Amino acid sequence: MRDSSDAPTDPGTRLKGLRVLMLSPSYFPRTGGVEKHVRCVVRELTARGLAVRLATPRCQTDWPEHETIDGIEVTRLPLDTRAGRKALAPLVSWSRIVHTHDAYPFLKYYLPFRLWDSHRPAFVTFHGYERYPIPLEARVLRRVVLWFTRGSICAGAFIPKWYRFRSTHITHGGVDAPPERPSLGEGAVFVGRLEPDTGFLKYLEALRLLQEEHSLTLLLDVCGDGSLRGQGEEFARAHRLAVTFHGRVPDAAPCFARAQVAFVDGLLAMLEAMASGAVVFATYDNPLKEDYLRLFPGARLAVIGESPTALADRLASLVEAPETLDRMAAAAYAFACTQTWARVADLYLDLYRGIRP
């Protein structure tokens, strides 16, 4: 397995014109880690001269069936399986290779085409995990897709470890870092879903401890929404925390840029926070999530703790030592600058090596 930090060199011009059909479980205008990964990789591949078209389920009826986004033809497939496969057929005929993101779109839409035509190469990128413990069905479905594909990329080193399979490459995503390191902002920001698995309530508890046990008040902007919003608002009021809830935001980068400290959950969010000059704090509540965070190559430049007490104690020590906080932010920014989307795209090109356009 190879991480993006060890990405192969650009194969040059021999893949120009290669027709790639990308299957994604979701796409813009939805925002999230998978959607951003796919969009940025497609951007890089087309910049190298590959021809890319994208197919994704039509999750909302007011979204157009066909649309051009960033110069890429996007086809939204009917949710009905038979109708979706019919809509996909012309794209499959056009393509030289197929690249699926996660198991769902491959099994729902593409599997019959793969069975009928085994000569068209197929590849897969796996993102995230279903839940903990991992359901047996999820393990089986990923292995089925691996059986029908020539190579794989895992977005996170925890995936092959916990799903127990070998992957051709490992990436932890990319980021478009600014050319110069941003200065440290003020306060803290949480970016993500307000759900139990993101550790949102742990961060609020850490701020309570910071305030009550260390006599330090940190302003917090919450950029995200979810089932815990009401509980979070009530907790903040009860403990007189300086928290502002903004709901979902289309772009997290400005939120990160305003903060000293970023409470984040996802790998891409960690990179974006580091690139924006903030120091990352992250928490976990099970061994899978701990590996998710600690196997991230920039983990040593973040604060990872299991308990609110551990987070609050480390936060207090850094807030009271601004020089240390600044050095940590500088090292994290330097690391983020090496994690470009071009390097992630190199892994895709390496998978396609040897395929004639």
Foldseek 3Di string as FASTA:
>chain_A
DAELLPFDDDPALQCAAAEEEEEEQDEPVDDDDRRVLVVLLVVLVVVRRYQYEYEYAPPDPPDDQWDADPNHIYGHAYPPLVRRQVVCVVSVVVHQAYEYEAQVCCVRHPVVVCVVDVPRAYEYEYEDADDPPGDPVRLVSVVVVVVSHDFYEYCFPLVCVNSVDDHPYYYVAADDFDPDAAEAAFFEEEEDEPDPFQCVVQQVVLQLCLCPVVVDAGAYEYAAYYDCPVVSVVSCVVSVHNYHYDHHDSDCLVVLLNHQEYEYQGSVVLLSNLSSLHAYEGEGDDPSSVSRQVVNPCNVLHHYDHGSNSVNVVVSVCVVPVVVSNVSSVVSNVVNVSRHSSSVSSNVVVSCPPRGD
